[in-house]
Amino acid sequence: MPARTQKHKSTKTRRGASTPDGQEPVMNMLPNTLLMNATSTLEKRAKKKQQQLQNRFKAQMKSVVKGIEERLKASSTNETSISGVRRRHLLVLAGLARDRAQIEQQIVRRLQTLTEAYETTSKALAWTLNAKVVGLQQ
């Protein structure tokens, strides 16, 4: 005797019904609203990533400055050891500044890409909505 399979309940919501989490179903949302939600999510992610990078940079700078101070305290007043420490740490600071500039450039490029995608999508949505309006009027 074959085993009976259990029927799965449909997970689809009726048109106009709200989902269990209280959100409006995607099919009822205006395309512009969807686009704005996606854009705000992407902007939040970009801000969070930028904040993380800034915090990491600050932590690196603090550790470098602390290292410089410790070495200067530990070194004697011998001018060569102090200049050696300074030269080495100035190179480290220059490297950190270069890394930060590259990270900022990456963030700017990503934001430009997001902006272009937003503009392209909004134009496409406008064309689609116009086509539907024209189709409804005829």
Protein backbone atom coordinates (compact mmCIF):
# COMPACT_ATOMS: atom_id res chain seq x y z
CA MET A 1 0.00 0.00 0.00
CA PRO A 2 1.63 3.32 -1.01
CA ALA A 3 2.37 5.84 1.71
CA ARG A 4 0.16 8.87 1.74
CA THR A 5 1.87 12.18 1.17
CA GLN A 6 0.87 15.11 3.26
CA LYS A 7 -0.53 18.03 1.31
CA HIS A 8 1.35 21.26 1.82
CA LYS A 9 -0.60 24.34 2.69
CA SER A 10 -0.22 27.18 0.27
CA THR A 11 2.13 29.87 1.53
CA LYS A 12 0.77 32.47 -0.87
CA THR A 13 -1.31 35.28 0.56
CA ARG A 14 -4.50 36.55 -0.96
CA ARG A 15 -4.19 39.71 -2.93
CA GLY A 16 -4.60 42.53 -0.43
CA ALA A 17 -4.01 40.33 2.60
CA SER A 18 -1.17 41.16 4.93
CA THR A 19 1.65 38.74 5.65
CA PRO A 20 2.19 37.29 9.15
CA ASP A 21 4.85 39.87 9.96
CA GLY A 22 2.42 42.69 9.18
CA GLN A 23 4.24 43.73 6.01
CA GLU A 24 2.28 44.52 2.89
CA PRO A 25 2.87 41.88 0.20
CA VAL A 26 5.29 42.87 -2.52
CA MET A 27 2.67 42.66 -5.25
CA ASN A 28 0.64 45.43 -3.56
CA MET A 29 3.56 47.81 -3.11
CA LEU A 30 4.21 50.48 -5.67
CA PRO A 31 7.39 49.94 -7.70
CA ASN A 32 8.66 53.31 -6.50
CA THR A 33 8.23 52.21 -2.86
CA LEU A 34 10.15 49.00 -3.55
CA LEU A 35 12.92 51.01 -5.14
CA MET A 36 13.06 53.46 -2.23
CA ASN A 37 13.19 50.59 0.29
CA ALA A 38 16.02 48.92 -1.62
CA THR A 39 17.90 52.20 -1.93
CA SER A 40 17.59 53.01 1.77
CA THR A 41 18.79 49.51 2.66
CA LEU A 42 21.82 49.91 0.40
CA GLU A 43 22.55 53.36 1.83
CA LYS A 44 22.38 51.97 5.38
CA ARG A 45 24.80 49.18 4.43
CA ALA A 46 27.20 51.67 2.83
CA LYS A 47 27.10 53.94 5.91
CA LYS A 48 27.67 50.97 8.22
CA LYS A 49 30.62 49.77 6.12
CA GLN A 50 32.10 53.27 6.05
CA GLN A 51 31.74 53.55 9.84
CA GLN A 52 33.46 50.17 10.29
CA LEU A 53 36.33 51.27 8.05
CA GLN A 54 36.67 54.57 9.91
CA ASN A 55 36.74 52.78 13.26
CA ARG A 56 39.38 50.35 11.98
CA PHE A 57 41.48 53.24 10.67
CA LYS A 58 41.21 55.09 14.00
CA ALA A 59 42.26 51.97 15.89
CA GLN A 60 45.27 51.52 13.61
CA MET A 61 46.26 55.15 14.04
CA LYS A 62 45.99 54.87 17.83
CA SER A 63 48.19 51.79 17.90
CA VAL A 64 50.79 53.44 15.66
CA VAL A 65 50.85 56.60 17.77
CA LYS A 66 51.11 54.50 20.93
CA GLY A 67 53.98 52.56 19.41
CA ILE A 68 55.77 55.78 18.47
CA GLU A 69 55.36 57.16 21.99
CA GLU A 70 56.59 53.96 23.62
CA ARG A 71 59.65 53.76 21.39
CA LEU A 72 60.49 57.40 21.92
CA LYS A 73 60.24 56.94 25.69
CA ALA A 74 62.31 53.77 25.58
CA SER A 75 64.97 55.15 23.29
CA SER A 76 67.73 57.26 24.62
CA THR A 77 68.17 60.87 23.54
CA ASN A 78 70.41 59.57 20.77
CA GLU A 79 69.29 61.49 17.68
CA THR A 80 69.84 58.59 15.27
CA SER A 81 67.50 56.18 17.10
CA ILE A 82 64.79 58.84 17.37
CA SER A 83 65.06 59.74 13.69
CA GLY A 84 65.02 56.02 12.79
CA VAL A 85 61.83 55.53 14.77
CA ARG A 86 60.27 58.61 13.25
CA ARG A 87 61.20 57.60 9.71
CA ARG A 88 59.81 54.09 10.14
CA HIS A 89 56.55 55.27 11.66
CA LEU A 90 56.12 58.06 9.16
CA LEU A 91 56.26 55.37 6.46
CA VAL A 92 53.61 53.38 8.36
CA LEU A 93 51.42 56.48 8.68
CA ALA A 94 51.82 57.22 4.97
CA GLY A 95 50.79 53.63 4.19
CA LEU A 96 47.70 53.94 6.41
CA ALA A 97 46.73 57.22 4.76
CA ARG A 98 47.11 55.59 1.32
CA ASP A 99 44.94 52.65 2.42
CA ARG A 100 42.29 55.03 3.74
CA ALA A 101 42.27 56.97 0.47
CA GLN A 102 41.82 53.73 -1.48
CA ILE A 103 38.97 52.64 0.79
CA GLU A 104 37.27 56.03 0.41
CA GLN A 105 37.62 55.76 -3.38
CA GLN A 106 36.03 52.31 -3.30
CA ILE A 107 33.10 53.63 -1.26
CA VAL A 108 32.63 56.56 -3.66
CA ARG A 109 32.70 54.17 -6.65
CA ARG A 110 30.14 51.87 -5.02
CA LEU A 111 27.85 54.79 -4.21
CA GLN A 112 28.13 56.04 -7.80
CA THR A 113 27.25 52.56 -9.06
CA LEU A 114 24.25 52.42 -6.71
CA THR A 115 23.14 55.87 -7.84
CA GLU A 116 23.40 54.89 -11.52
CA ALA A 117 21.48 51.67 -10.85
CA TYR A 118 18.79 53.65 -9.01
CA GLU A 119 18.46 56.14 -11.87
CA THR A 120 18.33 53.38 -14.50
CA THR A 121 15.75 51.41 -12.55
CA SER A 122 13.59 54.47 -11.88
CA LYS A 123 13.65 55.34 -15.60
CA ALA A 124 12.66 51.77 -16.47
CA LEU A 125 9.84 51.87 -13.93
CA ALA A 126 8.64 55.20 -15.29
CA TRP A 127 8.58 53.77 -18.83
CA THR A 128 6.69 50.69 -17.62
CA LEU A 129 4.15 52.72 -15.65
CA ASN A 130 3.63 55.09 -18.59
CA ALA A 131 3.09 52.13 -20.91
CA LYS A 132 0.51 50.65 -18.51
CA VAL A 133 -1.29 53.99 -18.17
CA VAL A 134 -1.39 54.42 -21.94
CA GLY A 135 -2.66 50.83 -22.27
CA LEU A 136 -5.40 51.46 -19.71
CA GLN A 137 -6.50 54.67 -21.42
CA GLN A 138 -6.99 52.97 -24.79
